Amino acid sequence: MDAEQTGPEEGTGAGAAEVRGEEPPPVVEADDLGVRTRRGWVYRGVTLRASAGTLVAVAGPGGSGRTSLLLTVAGRMRPTSGALRVCGLDLPEGAARVRGRAAVARAGGAAELEPELRVADHVRERALTLPGTARSREARESFGGAWKSFGAACEVVGLDVPGRRRVRDLSPGDATRLALALAVMERPDVLVLDDLDAGSDGAGQHALWSSARRAADLGAAVVASTTEPSPAGGLADVLLTLGEH
């Protein structure tokens, strides 16, 4: 799937972007990036520059490679062509270290919320994966710091739901905000969120892009995918379009 990028970040080639003023060093640098399997190209020709605090909207229809691109950026999928550098690390060689600095909020088929678990259960699970989290019994039973971090993340993304509520009972928008808040807890350098628009109408999608915008304003490069890019207008810094070639 070929790519076309527009926005203020720098790029060249198939995904060239307009440059607007001085930009900080990029956190994500992709040049003619692609993934190919035995069945053919999953996506190709992706050129992207995203610095800290940048919100990238990756748009394309189902089957265009959106999920695979996000997983590649997060160090979870091996690229087969082009060049990719994330947090100053070349991939795939530095993939293990990139995984420690990139949070996957949601990726279809790879990282998704468990519908039968309660919000509090997901917070407890995420707390165990946070850097520096103690593994003692006392730490597992309290998680006071994790709850504080989760509360702060909820304020950022605009989530207000009780911890006892099951994921299956959340609205699609709140489920997306929960996934985003859990990833924000990690304080990552790169955050990827797949299918931001899942189950939400145009107004709801615009509100979710506002949540993603606030998450990026904390300092991470946020890369989120969608089928319809228009609700991201005025919020995303970069629009990267994947399509059939």
C-alpha atoms as a PDB file:
ATOM      1  CA  MET A   1       0.000   0.000   0.000  1.00  0.00           C
ATOM      2  CA  ASP A   2       1.567   3.260  -1.070  1.00  0.00           C
ATOM      3  CA  ALA A   3       1.655   6.247   1.266  1.00  0.00           C
ATOM      4  CA  GLU A   4       1.166   9.965   0.936  1.00  0.00           C
ATOM      5  CA  GLN A   5       2.031  12.349   3.773  1.00  0.00           C
ATOM      6  CA  THR A   6       0.948  15.936   4.272  1.00  0.00           C
ATOM      7  CA  GLY A   7       1.559  18.227   7.220  1.00  0.00           C
ATOM      8  CA  PRO A   8       4.199  20.439   8.839  1.00  0.00           C
ATOM      9  CA  GLU A   9       6.776  17.744   9.553  1.00  0.00           C
ATOM     10  CA  GLU A  10       9.617  17.150   7.143  1.00  0.00           C
ATOM     11  CA  GLY A  11       9.547  14.355   4.571  1.00  0.00           C
ATOM     12  CA  THR A  12      10.769  13.418   1.146  1.00  0.00           C
ATOM     13  CA  GLY A  13       9.698  11.140  -1.662  1.00  0.00           C
ATOM     14  CA  ALA A  14       6.362   9.341  -1.719  1.00  0.00           C
ATOM     15  CA  GLY A  15       5.343  10.718   1.650  1.00  0.00           C
ATOM     16  CA  ALA A  16       6.686  14.250   1.391  1.00  0.00           C
ATOM     17  CA  ALA A  17       5.444  16.734   3.965  1.00  0.00           C
ATOM     18  CA  GLU A  18       5.461  20.495   3.989  1.00  0.00           C
ATOM     19  CA  VAL A  19       8.042  22.049   6.314  1.00  0.00           C
ATOM     20  CA  ARG A  20       6.875  24.887   8.546  1.00  0.00           C
ATOM     21  CA  GLY A  21       9.601  26.627  10.548  1.00  0.00           C
ATOM     22  CA  GLU A  22      12.260  25.080  12.780  1.00  0.00           C
ATOM     23  CA  GLU A  23      11.432  21.604  14.028  1.00  0.00           C
ATOM     24  CA  PRO A  24      13.055  19.634  16.874  1.00  0.00           C
ATOM     25  CA  PRO A  25      14.896  16.398  16.051  1.00  0.00           C
ATOM     26  CA  PRO A  26      12.508  13.676  14.909  1.00  0.00           C
ATOM     27  CA  VAL A  27      11.514  10.872  17.241  1.00  0.00           C
ATOM     28  CA  VAL A  28      10.241   8.817  14.300  1.00  0.00           C
ATOM     29  CA  GLU A  29      12.089   8.835  10.970  1.00  0.00           C
ATOM     30  CA  ALA A  30      10.871   6.565   8.176  1.00  0.00           C
ATOM     31  CA  ASP A  31      12.200   6.590   4.626  1.00  0.00           C
ATOM     32  CA  ASP A  32      10.448   4.543   1.934  1.00  0.00           C
ATOM     33  CA  LEU A  33       9.390   2.106   4.651  1.00  0.00           C
ATOM     34  CA  GLY A  34       7.532  -1.061   3.752  1.00  0.00           C
ATOM     35  CA  VAL A  35       6.476  -4.505   4.924  1.00  0.00           C
ATOM     36  CA  ARG A  36       6.049  -7.351   2.461  1.00  0.00           C
ATOM     37  CA  THR A  37       4.828 -10.896   3.035  1.00  0.00           C
ATOM     38  CA  ARG A  38       4.487 -13.879   0.735  1.00  0.00           C
ATOM     39  CA  ARG A  39       1.101 -12.522  -0.294  1.00  0.00           C
ATOM     40  CA  GLY A  40       2.545  -9.176  -1.326  1.00  0.00           C
ATOM     41  CA  TRP A  41       2.964  -5.713   0.128  1.00  0.00           C
ATOM     42  CA  VAL A  42       1.205  -4.942   3.404  1.00  0.00           C
ATOM     43  CA  TYR A  43       2.239  -1.294   2.967  1.00  0.00           C
ATOM     44  CA  ARG A  44       5.103   0.469   1.233  1.00  0.00           C
ATOM     45  CA  GLY A  45       6.568   3.847   0.373  1.00  0.00           C
ATOM     46  CA  VAL A  46       6.045   5.379   3.819  1.00  0.00           C
ATOM     47  CA  THR A  47       8.191   8.439   4.521  1.00  0.00           C
ATOM     48  CA  LEU A  48       7.532  10.157   7.813  1.00  0.00           C
ATOM     49  CA  ARG A  49       9.114  12.637  10.208  1.00  0.00           C
ATOM     50  CA  ALA A  50       7.551  13.094  13.646  1.00  0.00           C
ATOM     51  CA  SER A  51       9.170  14.939  16.538  1.00  0.00           C
ATOM     52  CA  ALA A  52       8.244  14.945  20.217  1.00  0.00           C
ATOM     53  CA  GLY A  53       4.718  16.276  20.731  1.00  0.00           C
ATOM     54  CA  THR A  54       3.642  15.518  17.157  1.00  0.00           C
ATOM     55  CA  LEU A  55       0.248  13.966  16.447  1.00  0.00           C
ATOM     56  CA  VAL A  56       0.231  11.837  13.296  1.00  0.00           C
ATOM     57  CA  ALA A  57      -3.017  10.648  11.710  1.00  0.00           C
ATOM     58  CA  VAL A  58      -2.594   7.520   9.582  1.00  0.00           C
ATOM     59  CA  ALA A  59      -5.642   7.186   7.320  1.00  0.00           C
ATOM     60  CA  GLY A  60      -6.653   4.425   4.968  1.00  0.00           C
ATOM     61  CA  PRO A  61      -9.271   1.779   4.273  1.00  0.00           C
ATOM     62  CA  GLY A  62      -9.266  -1.676   5.797  1.00  0.00           C
ATOM     63  CA  GLY A  63      -6.392  -3.721   4.430  1.00  0.00           C
ATOM     64  CA  SER A  64      -4.201  -0.696   3.701  1.00  0.00           C
ATOM     65  CA  GLY A  65      -1.624  -1.652   6.329  1.00  0.00           C
ATOM     66  CA  ARG A  66      -2.489   0.849   9.061  1.00  0.00           C
ATOM     67  CA  THR A  67      -2.156  -1.588  11.962  1.00  0.00           C
ATOM     68  CA  SER A  68       1.050  -3.076  10.594  1.00  0.00           C
ATOM     69  CA  LEU A  69       2.611   0.365  10.188  1.00  0.00           C
ATOM     70  CA  LEU A  70       1.831   1.265  13.798  1.00  0.00           C
ATOM     71  CA  LEU A  71       3.295  -2.007  15.034  1.00  0.00           C
ATOM     72  CA  THR A  72       6.411  -1.431  12.932  1.00  0.00           C
ATOM     73  CA  VAL A  73       6.919   2.027  14.425  1.00  0.00           C
ATOM     74  CA  ALA A  74       6.505   0.567  17.920  1.00  0.00           C
ATOM     75  CA  GLY A  75       9.155  -2.092  17.281  1.00  0.00           C
ATOM     76  CA  ARG A  76       6.655  -4.961  17.194  1.00  0.00           C
ATOM     77  CA  MET A  77       6.871  -5.775  13.470  1.00  0.00           C
ATOM     78  CA  ARG A  78       9.971  -6.129  11.337  1.00  0.00           C
ATOM     79  CA  PRO A  79      10.227  -3.839   8.292  1.00  0.00           C
ATOM     80  CA  THR A  80      11.313  -5.471   5.050  1.00  0.00           C
ATOM     81  CA  SER A  81      12.244  -2.402   3.010  1.00  0.00           C
ATOM     82  CA  GLY A  82      13.337   1.164   3.549  1.00  0.00           C
ATOM     83  CA  ALA A  83      14.773   2.652   6.726  1.00  0.00           C
ATOM     84  CA  LEU A  84      13.245   3.300  10.136  1.00  0.00           C
ATOM     85  CA  ARG A  85      14.752   5.106  13.103  1.00  0.00           C
ATOM     86  CA  VAL A  86      12.792   5.537  16.348  1.00  0.00           C
ATOM     87  CA  CYS A  87      14.113   7.379  19.396  1.00  0.00           C
ATOM     88  CA  GLY A  88      17.506   7.491  17.719  1.00  0.00           C
ATOM     89  CA  LEU A  89      17.586   3.710  17.279  1.00  0.00           C
ATOM     90  CA  ASP A  90      17.753   1.955  13.921  1.00  0.00           C
ATOM     91  CA  LEU A  91      15.236  -0.800  13.349  1.00  0.00           C
ATOM     92  CA  PRO A  92      15.040  -3.722  13.282  1.00  0.00           C
ATOM     93  CA  GLU A  93      18.364  -3.896  15.171  1.00  0.00           C
ATOM     94  CA  GLY A  94      17.138  -1.679  18.004  1.00  0.00           C
ATOM     95  CA  ALA A  95      13.617  -3.090  18.182  1.00  0.00           C
ATOM     96  CA  ALA A  96      13.934  -4.435  21.733  1.00  0.00           C
ATOM     97  CA  ARG A  97      15.012  -1.046  23.080  1.00  0.00           C
ATOM     98  CA  VAL A  98      12.320   0.745  21.076  1.00  0.00           C
ATOM     99  CA  ARG A  99       9.679  -1.512  22.616  1.00  0.00           C
ATOM    100  CA  GLY A 100      10.747  -0.175  25.990  1.00  0.00           C
ATOM    101  CA  ARG A 101      10.102   3.412  24.870  1.00  0.00           C
ATOM    102  CA  ALA A 102       6.974   2.941  22.737  1.00  0.00           C
ATOM    103  CA  ALA A 103       3.514   2.263  24.153  1.00  0.00           C
ATOM    104  CA  VAL A 104       0.841   0.430  22.181  1.00  0.00           C
ATOM    105  CA  ALA A 105      -2.535   1.738  23.315  1.00  0.00           C
ATOM    106  CA  ARG A 106      -4.422  -0.529  20.933  1.00  0.00           C
ATOM    107  CA  ALA A 107      -3.596  -2.537  17.827  1.00  0.00           C
ATOM    108  CA  GLY A 108      -6.185  -4.783  16.224  1.00  0.00           C
ATOM    109  CA  GLY A 109      -5.338  -8.443  16.777  1.00  0.00           C
ATOM    110  CA  ALA A 110      -2.174  -7.649  18.725  1.00  0.00           C
ATOM    111  CA  ALA A 111      -3.011  -5.432  21.718  1.00  0.00           C
ATOM    112  CA  GLU A 112      -6.624  -4.939  22.745  1.00  0.00           C
ATOM    113  CA  LEU A 113      -8.576  -4.383  25.928  1.00  0.00           C
ATOM    114  CA  GLU A 114     -10.142  -7.474  27.462  1.00  0.00           C
ATOM    115  CA  PRO A 115     -13.917  -6.860  27.410  1.00  0.00           C
ATOM    116  CA  GLU A 116     -14.657  -8.957  30.506  1.00  0.00           C
ATOM    117  CA  LEU A 117     -12.134  -7.153  32.695  1.00  0.00           C
ATOM    118  CA  ARG A 118     -13.015  -4.098  34.744  1.00  0.00           C
ATOM    119  CA  VAL A 119     -11.285  -0.767  34.284  1.00  0.00           C
ATOM    120  CA  ALA A 120      -9.485  -1.291  37.595  1.00  0.00           C
ATOM    121  CA  ASP A 121      -8.202  -4.686  36.438  1.00  0.00           C
ATOM    122  CA  HIS A 122      -6.609  -3.113  33.393  1.00  0.00           C
ATOM    123  CA  VAL A 123      -4.948  -0.464  35.556  1.00  0.00           C
ATOM    124  CA  ARG A 124      -3.508  -3.157  37.839  1.00  0.00           C
ATOM    125  CA  GLU A 125      -2.201  -5.110  34.869  1.00  0.00           C
ATOM    126  CA  ARG A 126      -0.630  -2.030  33.293  1.00  0.00           C
ATOM    127  CA  ALA A 127       0.937  -1.032  36.619  1.00  0.00           C
ATOM    128  CA  LEU A 128       2.936  -4.274  36.679  1.00  0.00           C
ATOM    129  CA  THR A 129       4.546  -3.383  33.349  1.00  0.00           C
ATOM    130  CA  LEU A 130       5.550   0.176  34.251  1.00  0.00           C
ATOM    131  CA  PRO A 131       9.296   0.841  34.502  1.00  0.00           C
ATOM    132  CA  GLY A 132      10.562   0.586  38.061  1.00  0.00           C
ATOM    133  CA  THR A 133       7.419  -1.107  39.389  1.00  0.00           C
ATOM    134  CA  ALA A 134       8.184  -3.303  42.365  1.00  0.00           C
ATOM    135  CA  ARG A 135       7.086  -6.913  42.228  1.00  0.00           C
ATOM    136  CA  SER A 136       6.520  -7.270  45.976  1.00  0.00           C
ATOM    137  CA  ARG A 137       3.196  -8.488  47.337  1.00  0.00           C
ATOM    138  CA  GLU A 138       2.623  -5.109  49.004  1.00  0.00           C
ATOM    139  CA  ALA A 139       3.166  -3.277  45.712  1.00  0.00           C
ATOM    140  CA  ARG A 140       0.771  -5.567  43.885  1.00  0.00           C
ATOM    141  CA  GLU A 141      -1.911  -4.990  46.511  1.00  0.00           C
ATOM    142  CA  SER A 142      -1.749  -1.184  46.732  1.00  0.00           C
ATOM    143  CA  PHE A 143      -0.722   0.412  43.412  1.00  0.00           C
ATOM    144  CA  GLY A 144      -1.281   3.822  44.931  1.00  0.00           C
ATOM    145  CA  GLY A 145       1.178   5.437  42.536  1.00  0.00           C
ATOM    146  CA  ALA A 146      -0.361   3.683  39.553  1.00  0.00           C
ATOM    147  CA  TRP A 147      -3.851   4.880  40.446  1.00  0.00           C
ATOM    148  CA  LYS A 148      -2.537   8.404  40.756  1.00  0.00           C
ATOM    149  CA  SER A 149      -0.884   8.115  37.340  1.00  0.00           C
ATOM    150  CA  PHE A 150      -4.065   6.678  35.851  1.00  0.00           C
ATOM    151  CA  GLY A 151      -6.145   9.491  37.302  1.00  0.00           C
ATOM    152  CA  ALA A 152      -3.802  12.064  35.790  1.00  0.00           C
ATOM    153  CA  ALA A 153      -3.935  10.281  32.432  1.00  0.00           C
ATOM    154  CA  CYS A 154      -7.739  10.232  32.560  1.00  0.00           C
ATOM    155  CA  GLU A 155      -7.775  13.988  33.060  1.00  0.00           C
ATOM    156  CA  VAL A 156      -5.598  14.386  29.976  1.00  0.00           C
ATOM    157  CA  VAL A 157      -7.758  12.228  27.693  1.00  0.00           C
ATOM    158  CA  GLY A 158     -11.126  13.180  29.184  1.00  0.00           C
ATOM    159  CA  LEU A 159     -12.120   9.825  30.665  1.00  0.00           C
ATOM    160  CA  ASP A 160     -14.497   9.660  33.627  1.00  0.00           C
ATOM    161  CA  VAL A 161     -15.699   6.127  34.361  1.00  0.00           C
ATOM    162  CA  PRO A 162     -15.762   4.077  37.590  1.00  0.00           C
ATOM    163  CA  GLY A 163     -13.042   1.506  38.109  1.00  0.00           C
ATOM    164  CA  ARG A 164     -15.605  -1.258  38.659  1.00  0.00           C
ATOM    165  CA  ARG A 165     -17.095  -0.897  35.171  1.00  0.00           C
ATOM    166  CA  ARG A 166     -16.325  -3.659  32.691  1.00  0.00           C
ATOM    167  CA  VAL A 167     -14.804  -2.737  29.358  1.00  0.00           C
ATOM    168  CA  ARG A 168     -17.719  -4.358  27.523  1.00  0.00           C
ATOM    169  CA  ASP A 169     -20.051  -1.813  29.150  1.00  0.00           C
ATOM    170  CA  LEU A 170     -18.064   1.247  28.038  1.00  0.00           C
ATOM    171  CA  SER A 171     -19.084   3.311  25.046  1.00  0.00           C
ATOM    172  CA  PRO A 172     -16.763   2.930  22.050  1.00  0.00           C
ATOM    173  CA  GLY A 173     -15.365   6.396  22.719  1.00  0.00           C
ATOM    174  CA  ASP A 174     -14.644   5.679  26.379  1.00  0.00           C
ATOM    175  CA  ALA A 175     -13.041   2.345  25.479  1.00  0.00           C
ATOM    176  CA  THR A 176     -10.684   4.247  23.176  1.00  0.00           C
ATOM    177  CA  ARG A 177      -9.970   6.812  25.899  1.00  0.00           C
ATOM    178  CA  LEU A 178      -9.229   3.999  28.350  1.00  0.00           C
ATOM    179  CA  ALA A 179      -6.735   2.431  25.958  1.00  0.00           C
ATOM    180  CA  LEU A 180      -5.138   5.831  25.452  1.00  0.00           C
ATOM    181  CA  ALA A 181      -5.000   6.608  29.187  1.00  0.00           C
ATOM    182  CA  LEU A 182      -3.348   3.270  29.983  1.00  0.00           C
ATOM    183  CA  ALA A 183      -0.675   3.987  27.385  1.00  0.00           C
ATOM    184  CA  VAL A 184      -0.161   7.544  28.686  1.00  0.00           C
ATOM    185  CA  MET A 185       0.591   6.015  32.105  1.00  0.00           C
ATOM    186  CA  GLU A 186       3.809   4.611  30.645  1.00  0.00           C
ATOM    187  CA  ARG A 187       5.103   8.091  29.810  1.00  0.00           C
ATOM    188  CA  PRO A 188       6.369   6.822  26.461  1.00  0.00           C
ATOM    189  CA  ASP A 189       8.398   8.629  23.842  1.00  0.00           C
ATOM    190  CA  VAL A 190       6.163   7.113  21.143  1.00  0.00           C
ATOM    191  CA  LEU A 191       2.515   6.106  21.495  1.00  0.00           C
ATOM    192  CA  VAL A 192       0.490   4.282  18.854  1.00  0.00           C
ATOM    193  CA  LEU A 193      -3.296   3.932  18.803  1.00  0.00           C
ATOM    194  CA  ASP A 194      -5.076   1.846  16.179  1.00  0.00           C
ATOM    195  CA  ASP A 195      -8.643   2.460  14.976  1.00  0.00           C
ATOM    196  CA  LEU A 196      -9.210   5.695  16.871  1.00  0.00           C
ATOM    197  CA  ASP A 197     -12.527   6.076  15.042  1.00  0.00           C
ATOM    198  CA  ALA A 198     -13.906   2.639  15.942  1.00  0.00           C
ATOM    199  CA  GLY A 199     -17.623   2.879  16.742  1.00  0.00           C
ATOM    200  CA  SER A 200     -17.725   6.695  16.933  1.00  0.00           C
ATOM    201  CA  ASP A 201     -19.534   9.206  14.735  1.00  0.00           C
ATOM    202  CA  GLY A 202     -17.914  12.322  13.297  1.00  0.00           C
ATOM    203  CA  ALA A 203     -18.367  14.461  16.411  1.00  0.00           C
ATOM    204  CA  GLY A 204     -17.190  11.637  18.617  1.00  0.00           C
ATOM    205  CA  GLN A 205     -14.119  11.122  16.446  1.00  0.00           C
ATOM    206  CA  HIS A 206     -13.229  14.812  16.643  1.00  0.00           C
ATOM    207  CA  ALA A 207     -13.437  14.597  20.434  1.00  0.00           C
ATOM    208  CA  LEU A 208     -11.147  11.562  20.405  1.00  0.00           C
ATOM    209  CA  TRP A 209      -8.639  13.370  18.212  1.00  0.00           C
ATOM    210  CA  SER A 210      -8.720  16.144  20.814  1.00  0.00           C
ATOM    211  CA  SER A 211      -7.842  13.520  23.438  1.00  0.00           C
ATOM    212  CA  ALA A 212      -4.976  12.280  21.280  1.00  0.00           C
ATOM    213  CA  ARG A 213      -3.848  15.877  20.779  1.00  0.00           C
ATOM    214  CA  ARG A 214      -3.636  16.425  24.532  1.00  0.00           C
ATOM    215  CA  ALA A 215      -1.710  13.173  24.920  1.00  0.00           C
ATOM    216  CA  ALA A 216       0.803  14.361  22.325  1.00  0.00           C
ATOM    217  CA  ASP A 217       1.100  17.696  24.100  1.00  0.00           C
ATOM    218  CA  LEU A 218       2.623  15.799  27.035  1.00  0.00           C
ATOM    219  CA  GLY A 219       5.655  15.226  24.816  1.00  0.00           C
ATOM    220  CA  ALA A 220       5.209  11.885  23.054  1.00  0.00           C
ATOM    221  CA  ALA A 221       5.013  11.407  19.322  1.00  0.00           C
ATOM    222  CA  VAL A 222       1.495   9.984  18.953  1.00  0.00           C
ATOM    223  CA  VAL A 223       0.599   7.969  15.852  1.00  0.00           C
ATOM    224  CA  ALA A 224      -3.098   7.103  15.524  1.00  0.00           C
ATOM    225  CA  SER A 225      -4.930   5.358  12.702  1.00  0.00           C
ATOM    226  CA  THR A 226      -8.368   6.006  11.252  1.00  0.00           C
ATOM    227  CA  THR A 227     -10.410   5.308   8.152  1.00  0.00           C
ATOM    228  CA  GLU A 228     -11.730   8.873   7.845  1.00  0.00           C
ATOM    229  CA  PRO A 229      -9.161  11.649   8.360  1.00  0.00           C
ATOM    230  CA  SER A 230     -11.440  14.708   8.276  1.00  0.00           C
ATOM    231  CA  PRO A 231     -12.317  14.689  12.034  1.00  0.00           C
ATOM    232  CA  ALA A 232      -8.586  15.082  12.737  1.00  0.00           C
ATOM    233  CA  GLY A 233      -8.530  18.407  10.891  1.00  0.00           C
ATOM    234  CA  GLY A 234      -6.914  21.178  12.908  1.00  0.00           C
ATOM    235  CA  LEU A 235      -5.650  18.699  15.510  1.00  0.00           C
ATOM    236  CA  ALA A 236      -3.216  16.358  13.764  1.00  0.00           C
ATOM    237  CA  ASP A 237       0.153  17.793  12.730  1.00  0.00           C
ATOM    238  CA  VAL A 238       0.707  15.184  10.031  1.00  0.00           C
ATOM    239  CA  LEU A 239      -1.687  13.247   7.811  1.00  0.00           C
ATOM    240  CA  LEU A 240      -0.268  10.071   6.336  1.00  0.00           C
ATOM    241  CA  THR A 241      -2.562   8.386   3.811  1.00  0.00           C
ATOM    242  CA  LEU A 242      -2.260   4.699   2.981  1.00  0.00           C
ATOM    243  CA  GLY A 243      -4.126   3.375  -0.034  1.00  0.00           C
ATOM    244  CA  GLU A 244      -4.326   0.694  -2.643  1.00  0.00           C
ATOM    245  CA  HIS A 245      -1.481   0.853  -5.156  1.00  0.00           C
END
